[in-house]
Amino acid sequence: MSNLWGFSDYFVQHPILLLTLLAHVLADFQWQSQKMADLKCRK
């Protein structure tokens, strides 16, 4: 559990990294769902 707190402490010190990571995850998620929607429309 202490490992998890060390991880969050790291992000508190480097918030830009956390934001970048979140942006990547959200963009990837949106791209995946858009791709799935396109595939469904094509059928």
PDB file of N, CA and C in Angstrom:
ATOM      1  N   MET A   1       0.833  -1.200   0.000  1.00  0.00           N
ATOM      2  CA  MET A   1       0.000   0.000   0.000  1.00  0.00           C
ATOM      3  C   MET A   1       0.872   1.255   0.000  1.00  0.00           C
ATOM      4  N   SER A   2       2.002   1.183   0.691  1.00  0.00           N
ATOM      5  CA  SER A   2       2.902   2.349   0.742  1.00  0.00           C
ATOM      6  C   SER A   2       3.437   2.674  -0.654  1.00  0.00           C
ATOM      7  N   ASN A   3       3.554   1.641  -1.489  1.00  0.00           N
ATOM      8  CA  ASN A   3       4.010   1.847  -2.861  1.00  0.00           C
ATOM      9  C   ASN A   3       3.030   2.740  -3.618  1.00  0.00           C
ATOM     10  N   LEU A   4       1.739   2.509  -3.386  1.00  0.00           N
ATOM     11  CA  LEU A   4       0.701   3.301  -4.043  1.00  0.00           C
ATOM     12  C   LEU A   4       0.778   4.758  -3.605  1.00  0.00           C
ATOM     13  N   TRP A   5       1.027   4.972  -2.297  1.00  0.00           N
ATOM     14  CA  TRP A   5       1.126   6.347  -1.794  1.00  0.00           C
ATOM     15  C   TRP A   5       2.362   7.025  -2.355  1.00  0.00           C
ATOM     16  N   GLY A   6       3.453   6.297  -2.495  1.00  0.00           N
ATOM     17  CA  GLY A   6       4.659   6.858  -3.095  1.00  0.00           C
ATOM     18  C   GLY A   6       4.390   7.263  -4.534  1.00  0.00           C
ATOM     19  N   PHE A   7       3.587   6.467  -5.213  1.00  0.00           N
ATOM     20  CA  PHE A   7       3.207   6.736  -6.598  1.00  0.00           C
ATOM     21  C   PHE A   7       2.414   8.040  -6.688  1.00  0.00           C
ATOM     22  N   SER A   8       1.427   8.206  -5.796  1.00  0.00           N
ATOM     23  CA  SER A   8       0.620   9.433  -5.818  1.00  0.00           C
ATOM     24  C   SER A   8       1.444  10.638  -5.387  1.00  0.00           C
ATOM     25  N   ASP A   9       2.371  10.442  -4.449  1.00  0.00           N
ATOM     26  CA  ASP A   9       3.271  11.532  -4.042  1.00  0.00           C
ATOM     27  C   ASP A   9       4.081  12.011  -5.241  1.00  0.00           C
ATOM     28  N   TYR A  10       4.533  11.071  -6.050  1.00  0.00           N
ATOM     29  CA  TYR A  10       5.315  11.394  -7.241  1.00  0.00           C
ATOM     30  C   TYR A  10       4.497  12.270  -8.185  1.00  0.00           C
ATOM     31  N   PHE A  11       3.213  11.929  -8.352  1.00  0.00           N
ATOM     32  CA  PHE A  11       2.361  12.708  -9.250  1.00  0.00           C
ATOM     33  C   PHE A  11       2.006  14.067  -8.672  1.00  0.00           C
ATOM     34  N   VAL A  12       1.952  14.150  -7.337  1.00  0.00           N
ATOM     35  CA  VAL A  12       1.707  15.456  -6.710  1.00  0.00           C
ATOM     36  C   VAL A  12       2.884  16.375  -7.017  1.00  0.00           C
ATOM     37  N   GLN A  13       4.079  15.804  -7.054  1.00  0.00           N
ATOM     38  CA  GLN A  13       5.276  16.590  -7.360  1.00  0.00           C
ATOM     39  C   GLN A  13       5.411  16.853  -8.859  1.00  0.00           C
ATOM     40  N   HIS A  14       4.814  16.004  -9.684  1.00  0.00           N
ATOM     41  CA  HIS A  14       4.907  16.142 -11.143  1.00  0.00           C
ATOM     42  C   HIS A  14       3.511  16.114 -11.761  1.00  0.00           C
ATOM     43  N   PRO A  15       2.679  17.122 -11.489  1.00  0.00           N
ATOM     44  CA  PRO A  15       1.290  17.104 -11.980  1.00  0.00           C
ATOM     45  C   PRO A  15       1.173  17.100 -13.497  1.00  0.00           C
ATOM     46  N   ILE A  16       2.163  17.676 -14.187  1.00  0.00           N
ATOM     47  CA  ILE A  16       2.106  17.725 -15.654  1.00  0.00           C
ATOM     48  C   ILE A  16       2.179  16.312 -16.235  1.00  0.00           C
ATOM     49  N   LEU A  17       2.980  15.449 -15.603  1.00  0.00           N
ATOM     50  CA  LEU A  17       3.059  14.063 -16.063  1.00  0.00           C
ATOM     51  C   LEU A  17       1.708  13.378 -15.909  1.00  0.00           C
ATOM     52  N   LEU A  18       1.052  13.639 -14.780  1.00  0.00           N
ATOM     53  CA  LEU A  18      -0.258  13.036 -14.538  1.00  0.00           C
ATOM     54  C   LEU A  18      -1.265  13.512 -15.576  1.00  0.00           C
ATOM     55  N   LEU A  19      -1.261  14.806 -15.863  1.00  0.00           N
ATOM     56  CA  LEU A  19      -2.176  15.368 -16.863  1.00  0.00           C
ATOM     57  C   LEU A  19      -1.899  14.786 -18.242  1.00  0.00           C
ATOM     58  N   THR A  20      -0.627  14.641 -18.580  1.00  0.00           N
ATOM     59  CA  THR A  20      -0.250  14.072 -19.875  1.00  0.00           C
ATOM     60  C   THR A  20      -0.741  12.633 -19.982  1.00  0.00           C
ATOM     61  N   LEU A  21      -0.544  11.885 -18.899  1.00  0.00           N
ATOM     62  CA  LEU A  21      -0.976  10.493 -18.868  1.00  0.00           C
ATOM     63  C   LEU A  21      -2.489  10.399 -19.038  1.00  0.00           C
ATOM     64  N   LEU A  22      -3.215  11.245 -18.302  1.00  0.00           N
ATOM     65  CA  LEU A  22      -4.675  11.260 -18.406  1.00  0.00           C
ATOM     66  C   LEU A  22      -5.123  11.629 -19.818  1.00  0.00           C
ATOM     67  N   ALA A  23      -4.468  12.622 -20.403  1.00  0.00           N
ATOM     68  CA  ALA A  23      -4.820  13.062 -21.752  1.00  0.00           C
ATOM     69  C   ALA A  23      -4.631  11.922 -22.751  1.00  0.00           C
ATOM     70  N   HIS A  24      -3.522  11.178 -22.612  1.00  0.00           N
ATOM     71  CA  HIS A  24      -3.259  10.053 -23.508  1.00  0.00           C
ATOM     72  C   HIS A  24      -4.331   8.980 -23.367  1.00  0.00           C
ATOM     73  N   VAL A  25      -4.670   8.652 -22.120  1.00  0.00           N
ATOM     74  CA  VAL A  25      -5.670   7.612 -21.870  1.00  0.00           C
ATOM     75  C   VAL A  25      -7.030   8.021 -22.437  1.00  0.00           C
ATOM     76  N   LEU A  26      -7.422   9.267 -22.188  1.00  0.00           N
ATOM     77  CA  LEU A  26      -8.719   9.748 -22.679  1.00  0.00           C
ATOM     78  C   LEU A  26      -8.751   9.798 -24.200  1.00  0.00           C
ATOM     79  N   ALA A  27      -7.683  10.281 -24.812  1.00  0.00           N
ATOM     80  CA  ALA A  27      -7.623  10.376 -26.270  1.00  0.00           C
ATOM     81  C   ALA A  27      -7.684   8.982 -26.885  1.00  0.00           C
ATOM     82  N   ASP A  28      -6.955   8.033 -26.291  1.00  0.00           N
ATOM     83  CA  ASP A  28      -6.945   6.668 -26.796  1.00  0.00           C
ATOM     84  C   ASP A  28      -8.335   6.049 -26.665  1.00  0.00           C
ATOM     85  N   PHE A  29      -8.978   6.308 -25.525  1.00  0.00           N
ATOM     86  CA  PHE A  29     -10.319   5.774 -25.283  1.00  0.00           C
ATOM     87  C   PHE A  29     -11.316   6.339 -26.292  1.00  0.00           C
ATOM     88  N   GLN A  30     -11.256   7.632 -26.535  1.00  0.00           N
ATOM     89  CA  GLN A  30     -12.153   8.273 -27.505  1.00  0.00           C
ATOM     90  C   GLN A  30     -11.902   7.724 -28.903  1.00  0.00           C
ATOM     91  N   TRP A  31     -10.626   7.534 -29.253  1.00  0.00           N
ATOM     92  CA  TRP A  31     -10.273   7.027 -30.576  1.00  0.00           C
ATOM     93  C   TRP A  31     -10.810   5.613 -30.756  1.00  0.00           C
ATOM     94  N   GLN A  32     -10.669   4.783 -29.703  1.00  0.00           N
ATOM     95  CA  GLN A  32     -11.153   3.401 -29.765  1.00  0.00           C
ATOM     96  C   GLN A  32     -12.668   3.367 -29.945  1.00  0.00           C
ATOM     97  N   SER A  33     -13.392   4.170 -29.155  1.00  0.00           N
ATOM     98  CA  SER A  33     -14.853   4.161 -29.249  1.00  0.00           C
ATOM     99  C   SER A  33     -15.311   4.726 -30.596  1.00  0.00           C
ATOM    100  N   GLN A  34     -14.576   5.697 -31.121  1.00  0.00           N
ATOM    101  CA  GLN A  34     -14.904   6.254 -32.436  1.00  0.00           C
ATOM    102  C   GLN A  34     -14.713   5.188 -33.508  1.00  0.00           C
ATOM    103  N   LYS A  35     -13.635   4.414 -33.394  1.00  0.00           N
ATOM    104  CA  LYS A  35     -13.353   3.353 -34.342  1.00  0.00           C
ATOM    105  C   LYS A  35     -14.451   2.292 -34.292  1.00  0.00           C
ATOM    106  N   MET A  36     -14.883   1.945 -33.086  1.00  0.00           N
ATOM    107  CA  MET A  36     -15.946   0.959 -32.934  1.00  0.00           C
ATOM    108  C   MET A  36     -17.253   1.477 -33.540  1.00  0.00           C
ATOM    109  N   ALA A  37     -17.538   2.759 -33.331  1.00  0.00           N
ATOM    110  CA  ALA A  37     -18.751   3.359 -33.885  1.00  0.00           C
ATOM    111  C   ALA A  37     -18.702   3.328 -35.416  1.00  0.00           C
ATOM    112  N   ASP A  38     -17.531   3.610 -35.974  1.00  0.00           N
ATOM    113  CA  ASP A  38     -17.373   3.579 -37.433  1.00  0.00           C
ATOM    114  C   ASP A  38     -17.616   2.172 -37.971  1.00  0.00           C
ATOM    115  N   LEU A  39     -17.095   1.169 -37.265  1.00  0.00           N
ATOM    116  CA  LEU A  39     -17.279  -0.210 -37.702  1.00  0.00           C
ATOM    117  C   LEU A  39     -18.755  -0.597 -37.672  1.00  0.00           C
ATOM    118  N   LYS A  40     -19.462  -0.160 -36.645  1.00  0.00           N
ATOM    119  CA  LYS A  40     -20.887  -0.480 -36.532  1.00  0.00           C
ATOM    120  C   LYS A  40     -21.681   0.206 -37.639  1.00  0.00           C
ATOM    121  N   CYS A  41     -21.322   1.439 -37.959  1.00  0.00           N
ATOM    122  CA  CYS A  41     -22.032   2.188 -39.008  1.00  0.00           C
ATOM    123  C   CYS A  41     -21.830   1.528 -40.372  1.00  0.00           C
ATOM    124  N   ARG A  42     -20.655   0.959 -40.575  1.00  0.00           N
ATOM    125  CA  ARG A  42     -20.320   0.389 -41.872  1.00  0.00           C
ATOM    126  C   ARG A  42     -21.150  -0.853 -42.179  1.00  0.00           C
ATOM    127  N   LYS A  43     -21.556  -1.585 -41.133  1.00  0.00           N
ATOM    128  CA  LYS A  43     -22.271  -2.847 -41.365  1.00  0.00           C
ATOM    129  C   LYS A  43     -23.700  -2.682 -41.816  1.00  0.00           C
TER     130      LYS A  43
END
